[in-house]
Amino acid sequence: MKVTVNDSCIACGACESVCDAVFSVDDVAKVNEAGISGNEDCVKEAADCCPVNAIEVE
């Protein structure tokens, strides 16, 4: 699974609250690639809850 955060991120923190093993938010959301394995379900949930659809999952 490949996860990226595009430029529309508004740093709201929703992704981090849903899946803090993978996402952290400072000025924008960042992806912890090492945390993706085993957390695929919460990554998809975080992408679904993003208000600006900034999380891209492939």
Protein backbone atom coordinates (compact mmCIF):
# COMPACT_ATOMS: atom_id res chain seq x y z
CA MET A 1 0.00 0.00 0.00
CA LYS A 2 1.28 3.44 -0.94
CA VAL A 3 -0.01 6.43 1.04
CA THR A 4 0.62 10.07 0.21
CA VAL A 5 -0.75 13.39 1.42
CA ASN A 6 -1.35 15.93 -1.33
CA ASP A 7 -1.08 19.74 -1.20
CA SER A 8 -4.72 20.23 -0.24
CA CYS A 9 -3.97 19.15 3.36
CA ILE A 10 -5.24 21.72 5.89
CA ALA A 11 -3.56 20.06 8.91
CA CYS A 12 -6.89 19.50 10.69
CA GLY A 13 -5.54 16.44 12.53
CA ALA A 14 -8.41 14.08 11.63
CA CYS A 15 -6.06 11.50 10.11
CA GLU A 16 -3.80 11.52 13.16
CA SER A 17 -6.76 11.07 15.52
CA VAL A 18 -7.95 8.05 13.52
CA CYS A 19 -4.56 6.46 12.75
CA ASP A 20 -1.69 7.92 14.76
CA ALA A 21 0.55 4.95 13.95
CA VAL A 22 0.77 6.23 10.37
CA PHE A 23 -0.08 9.95 10.39
CA SER A 24 1.37 12.89 12.28
CA VAL A 25 0.40 16.51 11.79
CA ASP A 26 2.59 19.58 12.16
CA ASP A 27 2.19 22.18 9.40
CA VAL A 28 0.78 19.40 7.19
CA ALA A 29 0.12 15.70 7.66
CA LYS A 30 3.08 13.39 7.28
CA VAL A 31 3.07 9.65 6.60
CA ASN A 32 5.14 7.23 8.68
CA GLU A 33 5.78 4.61 5.99
CA ALA A 34 7.01 2.08 8.55
CA GLY A 35 3.65 2.20 10.32
CA ILE A 36 1.52 1.33 7.30
CA SER A 37 1.98 -2.44 7.44
CA GLY A 38 -0.67 -3.85 9.76
CA ASN A 39 -2.63 -0.59 9.87
CA GLU A 40 -4.20 -0.66 6.42
CA ASP A 41 -7.76 -0.48 7.77
CA CYS A 42 -7.16 2.65 9.81
CA VAL A 43 -5.28 4.24 6.87
CA LYS A 44 -8.37 3.75 4.72
CA GLU A 45 -10.59 5.12 7.50
CA ALA A 46 -8.33 8.18 7.85
CA ALA A 47 -8.49 8.77 4.10
CA ASP A 48 -12.29 8.53 4.23
CA CYS A 49 -12.57 11.03 7.09
CA CYS A 50 -10.24 13.64 5.54
CA PRO A 51 -12.44 16.71 4.91
CA VAL A 52 -10.41 17.83 1.88
CA ASN A 53 -9.55 14.38 0.44
CA ALA A 54 -5.83 15.03 0.84
CA ILE A 55 -4.90 11.41 1.59
CA GLU A 56 -4.22 9.27 -1.46
CA VAL A 57 -4.12 5.50 -1.02
CA GLU A 58 -2.91 3.17 -3.78
